[in-house]
């Protein structure tokens, strides 16, 4: 560390060469990764991938007699296929009859209800999924809602009290902590785990796996934070129509030209609001993207979780201070408390670049919510480096459950497929809220593509490819696999805000971050 740091002046003098060299080296690496994951982009036009045959576990059969003919109808769950068989002489007259259908053999589970703990988000939709599970299996599920802003501490209180929980939501960095603390377990014991992983993006499998390579839960969603969206109306006013940055350095350089042209007072509204999922996640995004270090194990935290905090950290924070001083960033960002403030600001249409969550990209294209002209808010493609940092959501499997088999069924029903082969939740979330699916076939389904097309029109295919490319190349911090992450993140974001705004020196801020990481490493990992 000491040998690498040298003086701040020498490091800054090397800034352009270091980052450009890393960016150039990253072009080939990124190209290889993207090709591996999105080689089937043609699948966008072919519809969804075929699911393995479903096992039908209930049927209903109705028999009715008309003249000398017997008509038998067999309906297979979930009542989407009807087979009609006619036996006997041909029927030559029209017969009208009333049929009462009864379902035989519907399972009914005896025992206490399963418990599903989750945060609030589209609760009505979540409940509709749960009811499908209850109907199919004859189950009862108790939904327990916890406050979003205090979700982690609240569910940890339940774990400590010894409550049985059959499934719960969690961000990956939460789940890795709870596995480490002995409250949750990975899902490697699921009999279908090899097939489940084969259907997922390799990058999502890696991002959702513990340090020893075990899948921590099944995918609820993924997204990317600090994925840049460009406002083409402002670029056109600046005489830069159609231009796109390939790196964060190029984004800042384009912003200088935009400001000079007068097209925008503050060209950038960065993802720097005052929360750990704000400026801290942007820090992780830019550090991993700019230095071709997607897991941050070269620049920030080693694979054994020992702190590195390389010279790149100082270089990045010095860049932030510089762009604030140059007036490229709207200083109003430092007063923003969370997503609501940030999204309201970027919907004003005042900014050329708006790094945000991919699911808010939909909001920017909604005329009812955004002042950006329709068709002018566009994702920046992946070319020379990745964009953004992963935003994670998993269906998790606690160690203390009501029933082993029943809890597995619930997790697989919502987090993988129904018994009849439908990706129930991932398909619905992709269509309604543009949440990324951990499964590669979801975004290639015809109904999902058409849902995007209703908003994006002829931009649909190009933007779905960008989302696939981001999935392959975004930052996926290794530190998320450590129980120390949340403690560090809550400590770090006020320091990052102070450094970026210029109220704290870069050296002082970096030293504080390094000291906290040293403390947490000793607490959780040092032998």
Protein backbone atom coordinates (compact mmCIF):
# COMPACT_ATOMS: atom_id res chain seq x y z
CA UNK A 1 0.00 0.00 0.00
CA UNK A 2 2.64 2.56 1.04
CA UNK A 3 4.80 1.76 -1.94
CA UNK A 4 1.89 2.16 -4.36
CA UNK A 5 0.50 5.38 -2.92
CA UNK A 6 3.54 7.64 -3.40
CA UNK A 7 2.36 11.26 -3.58
CA UNK A 8 -1.08 12.46 -4.60
CA UNK A 9 0.48 14.78 -7.17
CA UNK A 10 2.30 11.96 -8.94
CA UNK A 11 -0.83 9.82 -8.96
CA UNK A 12 -2.95 12.61 -10.44
CA UNK A 13 -0.33 13.31 -13.09
CA UNK A 14 -0.76 9.70 -14.22
CA UNK A 15 -4.56 9.87 -14.25
CA UNK A 16 -5.25 10.04 -17.96
CA UNK A 17 -2.71 7.44 -18.94
CA UNK A 18 -3.74 4.99 -16.21
CA UNK A 19 -7.45 5.14 -16.93
CA UNK A 20 -7.07 5.19 -20.70
CA UNK A 21 -4.74 2.22 -20.56
CA UNK A 22 -7.19 0.28 -18.40
CA UNK A 23 -10.07 1.26 -20.65
CA UNK A 24 -8.22 0.10 -23.77
CA UNK A 25 -7.29 -3.18 -22.14
CA UNK A 26 -10.87 -3.59 -21.03
CA UNK A 27 -12.31 -3.28 -24.53
CA UNK A 28 -11.27 -6.78 -25.52
CA UNK A 29 -12.16 -8.31 -22.15
CA UNK A 30 -15.61 -6.76 -22.16
CA UNK A 31 -16.20 -7.85 -25.73
CA UNK A 32 -15.41 -11.43 -24.86
CA UNK A 33 -17.71 -11.50 -21.84
CA UNK A 34 -20.60 -9.86 -23.65
CA UNK A 35 -20.26 -12.21 -26.59
CA UNK A 36 -20.47 -15.18 -24.26
CA UNK A 37 -23.64 -14.00 -22.57
CA UNK A 38 -25.51 -12.33 -25.40
CA UNK A 39 -24.54 -14.57 -28.28
CA UNK A 40 -28.20 -15.48 -28.48
CA UNK A 41 -29.43 -11.95 -29.04
CA UNK A 42 -31.27 -13.28 -32.07
CA UNK A 43 -33.47 -14.99 -29.54
CA UNK A 44 -35.15 -11.63 -29.01
CA UNK A 45 -36.96 -12.17 -32.25
CA UNK A 46 -37.63 -15.86 -31.80
CA UNK A 47 -39.61 -15.60 -28.57
CA UNK A 48 -39.01 -17.33 -25.28
CA UNK A 49 -36.84 -20.38 -24.79
CA UNK A 50 -38.73 -23.65 -24.37
CA UNK A 51 -39.18 -24.73 -20.77
CA UNK A 52 -38.68 -28.36 -19.73
CA UNK A 53 -41.93 -30.38 -19.74
CA UNK A 54 -44.05 -29.62 -16.70
CA UNK A 55 -45.37 -32.37 -14.47
CA UNK A 56 -49.17 -32.21 -14.36
CA UNK A 57 -50.38 -33.09 -10.90
CA UNK A 58 -54.16 -32.65 -11.20
CA UNK A 59 -56.83 -33.05 -13.87
CA UNK A 60 -60.58 -32.71 -14.02
CA UNK A 61 -62.68 -34.95 -16.20
CA UNK A 62 -66.29 -34.27 -17.17
CA UNK A 63 -68.45 -36.81 -18.96
CA UNK A 64 -71.73 -35.88 -20.67
CA UNK A 65 -74.04 -38.02 -22.81
CA UNK A 66 -76.05 -36.78 -25.78
CA UNK A 67 -78.07 -39.30 -27.76
CA UNK A 68 -75.73 -42.24 -28.27
CA UNK A 69 -72.51 -40.22 -28.11
CA UNK A 70 -70.29 -39.81 -25.05
CA UNK A 71 -68.17 -36.66 -24.87
CA UNK A 72 -65.28 -36.62 -22.42
CA UNK A 73 -63.40 -33.38 -21.68
CA UNK A 74 -60.14 -33.49 -19.77
CA UNK A 75 -58.82 -30.21 -18.40
CA UNK A 76 -55.23 -30.07 -17.20
CA UNK A 77 -54.02 -27.62 -14.58
CA UNK A 78 -53.77 -24.70 -14.73
CA UNK A 79 -56.89 -25.01 -16.90
CA UNK A 80 -55.23 -23.96 -20.13
CA UNK A 81 -55.49 -27.22 -22.12
CA UNK A 82 -58.77 -28.97 -22.98
CA UNK A 83 -58.87 -32.36 -24.67
CA UNK A 84 -62.25 -33.49 -26.07
CA UNK A 85 -62.97 -37.09 -27.00
CA UNK A 86 -66.19 -38.26 -28.70
CA UNK A 87 -67.14 -41.93 -28.46
CA UNK A 88 -70.13 -43.52 -30.19
CA UNK A 89 -72.29 -42.72 -33.23
CA UNK A 90 -71.99 -39.30 -34.78
CA UNK A 91 -74.20 -36.62 -33.31
CA UNK A 92 -76.32 -35.06 -36.04
CA UNK A 93 -78.27 -32.59 -33.96
CA UNK A 94 -77.22 -29.68 -31.77
CA UNK A 95 -77.22 -30.57 -28.10
CA UNK A 96 -77.16 -27.96 -25.34
CA UNK A 97 -76.32 -29.16 -21.87
CA UNK A 98 -75.22 -27.74 -18.52
CA UNK A 99 -72.11 -29.28 -17.04
CA UNK A 100 -71.03 -29.03 -13.41
CA UNK A 101 -67.28 -29.58 -13.10
CA UNK A 102 -65.70 -30.97 -10.00
CA UNK A 103 -61.98 -31.25 -9.37
CA UNK A 104 -60.85 -34.43 -7.69
CA UNK A 105 -57.58 -35.01 -5.92
CA UNK A 106 -56.77 -31.37 -5.11
CA UNK A 107 -54.06 -31.49 -2.43
CA UNK A 108 -54.66 -29.97 0.96
CA UNK A 109 -51.70 -29.44 3.23
CA UNK A 110 -52.19 -30.16 6.91
CA UNK A 111 -50.05 -28.09 9.24
CA UNK A 112 -49.27 -24.47 10.14
CA UNK A 113 -49.11 -21.90 7.34
CA UNK A 114 -45.80 -21.09 5.69
CA UNK A 115 -44.33 -17.71 6.57
CA UNK A 116 -43.12 -15.35 3.82
CA UNK A 117 -41.36 -12.21 5.10
CA UNK A 118 -40.80 -9.36 2.64
CA UNK A 119 -40.48 -5.63 2.22
CA UNK A 120 -43.20 -3.52 0.63
CA UNK A 121 -43.21 -3.31 -3.16
CA UNK A 122 -46.32 -3.84 -5.26
CA UNK A 123 -47.85 -5.86 -2.42
CA UNK A 124 -50.99 -6.61 -4.44
CA UNK A 125 -48.98 -8.31 -7.18
CA UNK A 126 -46.93 -10.31 -4.69
CA UNK A 127 -50.10 -11.51 -2.97
CA UNK A 128 -51.54 -12.63 -6.32
CA UNK A 129 -48.47 -14.85 -6.84
CA UNK A 130 -48.85 -16.29 -3.35
CA UNK A 131 -52.52 -17.09 -3.99
CA UNK A 132 -51.58 -19.05 -7.12
CA UNK A 133 -49.18 -21.09 -5.01
CA UNK A 134 -51.84 -21.66 -2.35
CA UNK A 135 -54.42 -22.72 -4.94
CA UNK A 136 -52.12 -25.13 -6.70
CA UNK A 137 -50.74 -26.87 -3.64
CA UNK A 138 -53.69 -26.46 -1.25
CA UNK A 139 -51.34 -24.38 0.93
CA UNK A 140 -51.69 -21.50 3.33
CA UNK A 141 -49.07 -18.76 3.37
CA UNK A 142 -48.84 -15.95 5.90
CA UNK A 143 -47.29 -12.81 4.42
CA UNK A 144 -45.37 -10.70 6.93
CA UNK A 145 -44.50 -7.18 5.73
CA UNK A 146 -41.58 -5.30 7.25
CA UNK A 147 -40.83 -1.60 6.84
CA UNK A 148 -38.52 -0.98 3.88
CA UNK A 149 -36.33 1.60 5.61
CA UNK A 150 -35.55 -0.74 8.52
CA UNK A 151 -35.93 -4.13 6.87
CA UNK A 152 -32.54 -5.59 7.80
CA UNK A 153 -32.65 -4.90 11.55
CA UNK A 154 -36.31 -5.98 11.76
CA UNK A 155 -35.77 -9.38 10.18
CA UNK A 156 -32.59 -9.89 12.23
CA UNK A 157 -34.74 -9.40 15.34
CA UNK A 158 -36.97 -12.23 14.12
CA UNK A 159 -33.96 -14.47 13.48
CA UNK A 160 -32.59 -13.77 16.96
CA UNK A 161 -35.99 -14.59 18.50
CA UNK A 162 -35.90 -18.01 16.84
CA UNK A 163 -38.96 -17.47 14.64
CA UNK A 164 -39.58 -19.95 11.83
CA UNK A 165 -39.49 -18.21 8.43
CA UNK A 166 -39.95 -20.23 5.25
CA UNK A 167 -38.86 -17.63 2.69
CA UNK A 168 -37.89 -13.98 2.73
CA UNK A 169 -36.59 -11.22 0.49
CA UNK A 170 -33.03 -10.03 0.80
CA UNK A 171 -30.40 -8.03 -1.04
CA UNK A 172 -27.39 -10.22 -1.69
CA UNK A 173 -25.15 -8.41 0.78
CA UNK A 174 -27.82 -8.97 3.43
CA UNK A 175 -28.14 -12.68 2.64
CA UNK A 176 -24.39 -13.30 2.65
CA UNK A 177 -24.29 -11.73 6.11
CA UNK A 178 -27.20 -13.87 7.36
CA UNK A 179 -25.64 -17.04 5.98
CA UNK A 180 -22.38 -16.13 7.73
CA UNK A 181 -24.29 -15.52 10.99
CA UNK A 182 -26.04 -18.90 10.69
CA UNK A 183 -29.63 -17.72 10.09
CA UNK A 184 -29.90 -18.42 6.35
CA UNK A 185 -28.48 -21.16 4.14
CA UNK A 186 -27.61 -21.45 0.48
CA UNK A 187 -29.85 -23.32 -1.97
CA UNK A 188 -27.29 -25.83 -3.23
CA UNK A 189 -29.37 -28.65 -1.66
CA UNK A 190 -32.22 -28.06 -4.13
CA UNK A 191 -32.38 -31.15 -6.41
CA UNK A 192 -32.74 -28.91 -9.50
CA UNK A 193 -29.83 -26.60 -8.64
CA UNK A 194 -27.69 -27.54 -11.67
CA UNK A 195 -30.59 -26.79 -14.05
CA UNK A 196 -31.47 -23.58 -12.21
CA UNK A 197 -27.91 -22.24 -12.54
CA UNK A 198 -27.73 -23.28 -16.20
CA UNK A 199 -30.74 -21.07 -16.93
CA UNK A 200 -29.25 -17.99 -15.23
CA UNK A 201 -26.83 -15.36 -16.49
CA UNK A 202 -23.32 -16.51 -15.51
CA UNK A 203 -22.65 -13.04 -14.12
CA UNK A 204 -25.75 -13.22 -11.91
CA UNK A 205 -24.81 -16.70 -10.66
CA UNK A 206 -21.41 -15.28 -9.66
CA UNK A 207 -22.91 -12.16 -8.11
CA UNK A 208 -25.47 -14.16 -6.09
CA UNK A 209 -22.97 -16.76 -4.85
CA UNK A 210 -21.14 -16.76 -1.54
CA UNK A 211 -17.36 -16.48 -1.28
CA UNK A 212 -17.14 -20.28 -1.44
CA UNK A 213 -19.19 -20.39 -4.64
CA UNK A 214 -22.63 -21.46 -3.35
CA UNK A 215 -25.80 -19.87 -4.71
CA UNK A 216 -27.22 -17.84 -1.81
CA UNK A 217 -30.84 -17.81 -3.00
CA UNK A 218 -33.03 -17.78 -6.10
CA UNK A 219 -33.37 -14.59 -8.19
CA UNK A 220 -36.10 -12.11 -7.35
CA UNK A 221 -34.58 -9.44 -9.58
CA UNK A 222 -31.40 -7.74 -10.65
CA UNK A 223 -30.86 -4.24 -11.88
CA UNK A 224 -27.94 -1.87 -12.30
CA UNK A 225 -27.54 1.41 -10.44
CA UNK A 226 -25.57 4.31 -11.93
CA UNK A 227 -26.30 3.10 -15.45
CA UNK A 228 -26.04 6.34 -17.49
CA UNK A 229 -29.10 7.60 -19.32
CA UNK A 230 -28.56 10.35 -21.90
CA UNK A 231 -31.00 13.15 -22.71
CA UNK A 232 -30.65 13.49 -26.47
CA UNK A 233 -32.60 16.73 -26.55
CA UNK A 234 -29.76 18.46 -24.69
CA UNK A 235 -27.07 16.77 -26.78
CA UNK A 236 -28.79 18.03 -29.92
CA UNK A 237 -28.86 21.58 -28.52
CA UNK A 238 -25.12 21.27 -27.83
CA UNK A 239 -24.42 20.18 -31.42
CA UNK A 240 -23.53 16.65 -30.27
CA UNK A 241 -26.49 14.70 -31.66
CA UNK A 242 -26.07 10.94 -31.41
CA UNK A 243 -22.75 11.06 -29.52
CA UNK A 244 -22.23 8.56 -26.69
CA UNK A 245 -19.48 8.25 -24.08
CA UNK A 246 -17.63 4.94 -23.90
CA UNK A 247 -16.12 5.56 -20.46
CA UNK A 248 -16.73 7.70 -17.38
CA UNK A 249 -13.83 9.95 -18.43
CA UNK A 250 -15.51 10.49 -21.80
CA UNK A 251 -18.82 11.24 -20.05
CA UNK A 252 -17.14 14.02 -18.04
CA UNK A 253 -15.37 15.35 -21.14
CA UNK A 254 -18.65 15.47 -23.09
CA UNK A 255 -20.20 17.27 -20.12
CA UNK A 256 -17.55 19.99 -20.34
CA UNK A 257 -18.47 20.60 -23.99
CA UNK A 258 -22.18 20.64 -23.16
CA UNK A 259 -21.68 23.20 -20.40
CA UNK A 260 -19.51 25.35 -22.65
CA UNK A 261 -22.23 25.27 -25.34
CA UNK A 262 -24.82 26.56 -22.86
CA UNK A 263 -27.17 23.63 -23.50
CA UNK A 264 -27.29 22.79 -19.78
CA UNK A 265 -26.23 24.70 -16.67
CA UNK A 266 -25.29 21.46 -14.91
CA UNK A 267 -24.87 18.65 -17.47
CA UNK A 268 -24.87 15.79 -14.92
CA UNK A 269 -27.15 14.73 -12.08
CA UNK A 270 -25.07 11.89 -10.61
CA UNK A 271 -26.30 9.03 -8.43
CA UNK A 272 -24.82 10.73 -5.35
CA UNK A 273 -27.79 11.13 -3.02
CA UNK A 274 -27.13 10.71 0.70
CA UNK A 275 -27.74 7.00 1.28
CA UNK A 276 -25.55 3.93 1.13
CA UNK A 277 -27.47 2.88 -2.00
CA UNK A 278 -26.82 6.32 -3.46
CA UNK A 279 -23.30 7.76 -3.49
CA UNK A 280 -21.71 4.56 -2.11
CA UNK A 281 -23.14 2.47 -4.94
CA UNK A 282 -22.06 5.08 -7.47
CA UNK A 283 -18.55 4.89 -6.03
CA UNK A 284 -18.58 1.11 -6.52
CA UNK A 285 -19.95 1.50 -10.05
CA UNK A 286 -17.40 4.04 -11.25
CA UNK A 287 -14.42 2.37 -9.56
CA UNK A 288 -15.23 -1.00 -11.10
CA UNK A 289 -16.17 0.40 -14.52
CA UNK A 290 -13.34 2.91 -14.97
CA UNK A 291 -10.56 0.58 -13.87
CA UNK A 292 -11.86 -2.64 -15.45
CA UNK A 293 -12.19 -4.23 -12.01
CA UNK A 294 -15.75 -5.59 -11.86
CA UNK A 295 -15.40 -7.27 -8.46
CA UNK A 296 -13.17 -4.48 -7.00
CA UNK A 297 -10.55 -7.00 -5.84
CA UNK A 298 -7.71 -5.13 -7.59
CA UNK A 299 -8.56 -1.64 -6.38
CA UNK A 300 -10.52 -1.93 -3.13
CA UNK A 301 -10.90 -5.27 -1.27
CA UNK A 302 -8.91 -8.46 -1.86
CA UNK A 303 -10.47 -11.92 -2.21
CA UNK A 304 -9.64 -12.59 1.47
CA UNK A 305 -11.51 -9.34 2.32
CA UNK A 306 -8.35 -7.55 3.43
CA UNK A 307 -8.39 -3.86 2.46
CA UNK A 308 -6.43 -2.69 -0.60
CA UNK A 309 -7.81 0.84 -1.17
CA UNK A 310 -5.43 1.46 -4.03
CA UNK A 311 -4.42 4.77 -5.64
CA UNK A 312 -7.41 4.47 -7.95
CA UNK A 313 -9.68 5.39 -5.03
CA UNK A 314 -7.92 8.74 -4.52
CA UNK A 315 -7.89 9.33 -8.24
CA UNK A 316 -11.65 8.77 -8.52
CA UNK A 317 -12.49 11.00 -5.57
CA UNK A 318 -10.23 13.75 -6.89
CA UNK A 319 -12.11 13.53 -10.20
CA UNK A 320 -15.38 13.99 -8.31
CA UNK A 321 -14.10 17.09 -6.56
CA UNK A 322 -12.88 18.50 -9.87
CA UNK A 323 -16.16 18.03 -11.75
CA UNK A 324 -18.08 19.63 -8.88
CA UNK A 325 -15.74 22.65 -8.93
CA UNK A 326 -16.14 22.91 -12.71
CA UNK A 327 -19.92 23.11 -12.36
CA UNK A 328 -20.57 19.89 -14.25
CA UNK A 329 -22.60 18.44 -11.37
CA UNK A 330 -25.73 20.01 -9.89
CA UNK A 331 -24.83 20.65 -6.21
CA UNK A 332 -28.49 20.03 -5.34
CA UNK A 333 -27.59 16.33 -5.34
CA UNK A 334 -25.95 16.72 -1.94
CA UNK A 335 -29.33 17.63 -0.41
CA UNK A 336 -31.10 14.60 -1.87
CA UNK A 337 -32.04 11.96 0.70
CA UNK A 338 -33.00 9.04 -1.53
CA UNK A 339 -34.54 7.68 -4.71
CA UNK A 340 -37.62 9.88 -4.64
CA UNK A 341 -35.59 13.10 -4.63
CA UNK A 342 -33.19 11.81 -7.26
CA UNK A 343 -35.83 10.54 -9.69
CA UNK A 344 -37.86 13.73 -9.35
CA UNK A 345 -34.76 15.72 -10.33
CA UNK A 346 -33.80 13.67 -13.37
CA UNK A 347 -37.39 13.76 -14.65
CA UNK A 348 -37.16 17.56 -15.02
CA UNK A 349 -35.23 17.14 -18.28
CA UNK A 350 -32.53 19.64 -17.20
CA UNK A 351 -29.59 17.23 -17.39
CA UNK A 352 -27.67 15.66 -20.25
CA UNK A 353 -26.53 12.60 -18.26
CA UNK A 354 -28.49 10.89 -15.50
CA UNK A 355 -26.87 7.78 -14.02
CA UNK A 356 -29.75 5.87 -12.41
CA UNK A 357 -31.31 2.44 -11.86
CA UNK A 358 -32.40 0.66 -15.02
CA UNK A 359 -35.93 0.31 -13.66
CA UNK A 360 -36.14 4.12 -13.43
CA UNK A 361 -35.25 4.27 -17.12
CA UNK A 362 -38.89 3.31 -17.68
CA UNK A 363 -40.00 6.35 -15.64
CA UNK A 364 -37.82 8.64 -17.77
CA UNK A 365 -39.70 7.38 -20.84
CA UNK A 366 -43.15 7.95 -19.33
CA UNK A 367 -44.65 11.28 -20.51
CA UNK A 368 -46.90 11.30 -17.45
CA UNK A 369 -43.86 11.45 -15.16
CA UNK A 370 -40.97 12.86 -17.22
CA UNK A 371 -40.47 16.16 -19.04
CA UNK A 372 -37.89 14.61 -21.34
CA UNK A 373 -39.46 14.40 -24.82
CA UNK A 374 -40.57 10.91 -25.76
CA UNK A 375 -37.75 9.01 -27.41
CA UNK A 376 -35.01 11.30 -26.10
CA UNK A 377 -34.09 9.43 -22.89
CA UNK A 378 -31.78 6.57 -23.87
CA UNK A 379 -29.41 4.16 -22.17
CA UNK A 380 -25.72 4.58 -23.00
CA UNK A 381 -24.42 1.42 -24.75
CA UNK A 382 -21.60 -0.73 -23.40
CA UNK A 383 -18.57 -0.26 -25.68
CA UNK A 384 -15.24 0.37 -23.94
CA UNK A 385 -16.18 -0.49 -20.34
CA UNK A 386 -19.10 -1.75 -18.27
CA UNK A 387 -21.70 0.55 -16.74
CA UNK A 388 -23.19 0.59 -13.27
CA UNK A 389 -23.17 -1.63 -10.19
CA UNK A 390 -25.50 -4.53 -9.53
CA UNK A 391 -28.70 -3.99 -7.53
CA UNK A 392 -29.80 -7.33 -6.09
CA UNK A 393 -32.90 -9.11 -4.82
CA UNK A 394 -33.20 -12.78 -3.81
CA UNK A 395 -35.69 -15.28 -2.45
CA UNK A 396 -33.87 -16.66 0.58
CA UNK A 397 -34.02 -19.92 2.54
CA UNK A 398 -33.71 -19.67 6.32
CA UNK A 399 -32.36 -22.52 8.41
CA UNK A 400 -35.39 -22.60 10.69
CA UNK A 401 -38.50 -23.27 8.60
CA UNK A 402 -41.99 -24.68 9.12
CA UNK A 403 -41.36 -27.59 6.78
CA UNK A 404 -38.34 -28.38 4.56
CA UNK A 405 -40.20 -29.63 1.50
CA UNK A 406 -42.95 -27.03 1.62
CA UNK A 407 -40.52 -24.13 2.02
CA UNK A 408 -38.49 -25.37 -0.96
CA UNK A 409 -41.66 -25.53 -3.06
CA UNK A 410 -42.54 -21.93 -2.19
CA UNK A 411 -39.07 -20.61 -3.07
CA UNK A 412 -38.95 -22.47 -6.38
CA UNK A 413 -42.52 -21.45 -7.29
CA UNK A 414 -41.68 -17.75 -7.02
CA UNK A 415 -37.92 -17.82 -7.70
CA UNK A 416 -37.64 -20.34 -10.54
CA UNK A 417 -40.67 -21.88 -12.24
CA UNK A 418 -44.12 -23.18 -11.45
CA UNK A 419 -44.70 -26.95 -11.75
CA UNK A 420 -46.22 -26.32 -15.20
CA UNK A 421 -43.08 -24.52 -16.35
CA UNK A 422 -44.07 -20.85 -16.12
CA UNK A 423 -41.65 -18.17 -14.90
CA UNK A 424 -44.40 -16.52 -12.97
CA UNK A 425 -42.74 -13.67 -11.11
CA UNK A 426 -39.72 -12.86 -13.29
CA UNK A 427 -41.91 -12.52 -16.39
CA UNK A 428 -44.46 -10.34 -14.64
CA UNK A 429 -41.84 -8.06 -13.02
CA UNK A 430 -40.06 -7.67 -16.38
CA UNK A 431 -43.26 -6.56 -18.09
CA UNK A 432 -44.69 -4.28 -15.41
CA UNK A 433 -41.63 -2.75 -13.74
CA UNK A 434 -38.63 -3.51 -15.98
CA UNK A 435 -36.94 -5.49 -13.23
CA UNK A 436 -34.17 -7.65 -14.64
CA UNK A 437 -34.59 -11.40 -14.41
CA UNK A 438 -31.77 -13.67 -13.30
CA UNK A 439 -32.82 -16.01 -16.13
CA UNK A 440 -31.59 -15.35 -19.65
CA UNK A 441 -34.81 -16.42 -21.39
CA UNK A 442 -37.11 -13.90 -19.70
CA UNK A 443 -36.01 -10.87 -21.67
CA UNK A 444 -36.32 -12.90 -24.90
CA UNK A 445 -40.00 -13.77 -24.41
CA UNK A 446 -42.30 -12.26 -27.01
CA UNK A 447 -44.70 -10.89 -24.39
CA UNK A 448 -41.83 -9.24 -22.49
CA UNK A 449 -40.42 -7.71 -25.68
CA UNK A 450 -43.85 -6.36 -26.59
CA UNK A 451 -44.25 -4.83 -23.12
CA UNK A 452 -40.99 -2.91 -23.69
CA UNK A 453 -42.05 -2.03 -27.22
CA UNK A 454 -45.16 -0.24 -25.93
CA UNK A 455 -42.80 2.26 -24.27
CA UNK A 456 -39.67 2.21 -26.44
CA UNK A 457 -41.10 1.56 -29.90
CA UNK A 458 -38.38 0.95 -32.49
CA UNK A 459 -35.69 1.44 -29.80
CA UNK A 460 -36.71 -1.82 -28.12
CA UNK A 461 -34.22 -4.33 -29.51
CA UNK A 462 -31.21 -2.04 -29.13
CA UNK A 463 -32.08 -1.25 -25.51
CA UNK A 464 -32.74 -4.87 -24.57
CA UNK A 465 -29.28 -5.69 -25.89
CA UNK A 466 -27.78 -2.87 -23.80
CA UNK A 467 -29.46 -4.35 -20.71
CA UNK A 468 -27.98 -7.75 -21.52
CA UNK A 469 -24.55 -6.15 -21.98
CA UNK A 470 -24.84 -4.32 -18.67
CA UNK A 471 -25.78 -7.59 -16.95
CA UNK A 472 -22.52 -9.10 -18.20
CA UNK A 473 -20.18 -6.23 -17.37
CA UNK A 474 -21.50 -4.17 -14.43
CA UNK A 475 -19.59 -4.02 -11.15
CA UNK A 476 -20.36 -6.93 -8.81
CA UNK A 477 -18.42 -6.07 -5.64
CA UNK A 478 -16.68 -8.95 -3.86
CA UNK A 479 -17.18 -7.12 -0.55
CA UNK A 480 -20.93 -7.92 -0.83
CA UNK A 481 -19.96 -11.49 0.11
CA UNK A 482 -18.71 -10.32 3.52
CA UNK A 483 -20.81 -9.67 6.65
CA UNK A 484 -18.91 -6.41 7.07
CA UNK A 485 -20.39 -4.71 3.98
CA UNK A 486 -23.48 -3.07 5.49
CA UNK A 487 -21.54 -1.71 8.46
CA UNK A 488 -18.95 -0.28 6.09
CA UNK A 489 -21.49 1.17 3.62
CA UNK A 490 -23.43 3.05 6.29
CA UNK A 491 -20.16 4.49 7.61
CA UNK A 492 -18.79 5.38 4.17
CA UNK A 493 -21.55 7.27 2.38
CA UNK A 494 -21.39 10.48 4.50
CA UNK A 495 -17.61 10.57 3.98
CA UNK A 496 -17.98 10.16 0.21
CA UNK A 497 -20.54 13.00 0.19
CA UNK A 498 -18.20 15.26 2.16
CA UNK A 499 -15.25 14.51 -0.12
CA UNK A 500 -17.22 14.93 -3.36
CA UNK A 501 -18.71 18.25 -2.20
CA UNK A 502 -15.26 19.52 -1.23
CA UNK A 503 -15.90 19.87 2.51
CA UNK A 504 -13.40 17.12 3.31
CA UNK A 505 -9.96 16.55 1.78
CA UNK A 506 -9.44 13.49 -0.42
CA UNK A 507 -6.52 12.18 1.67
CA UNK A 508 -8.46 12.56 4.90
CA UNK A 509 -11.55 10.83 3.49
CA UNK A 510 -9.57 7.91 2.06
CA UNK A 511 -7.74 7.44 5.35
CA UNK A 512 -11.07 7.27 7.21
CA UNK A 513 -12.39 4.68 4.77
CA UNK A 514 -9.23 2.62 5.06
CA UNK A 515 -9.28 2.71 8.85
CA UNK A 516 -12.89 1.51 8.99
CA UNK A 517 -12.15 -1.34 6.58
CA UNK A 518 -9.16 -2.38 8.69
CA UNK A 519 -11.36 -2.40 11.79
CA UNK A 520 -14.10 -4.49 10.14
CA UNK A 521 -11.62 -6.90 8.59
CA UNK A 522 -10.21 -7.63 12.04
CA UNK A 523 -13.74 -8.03 13.42
CA UNK A 524 -14.95 -10.53 10.83
CA UNK A 525 -12.06 -12.07 8.92
CA UNK A 526 -8.64 -11.73 10.57
CA UNK A 527 -7.39 -15.01 12.07
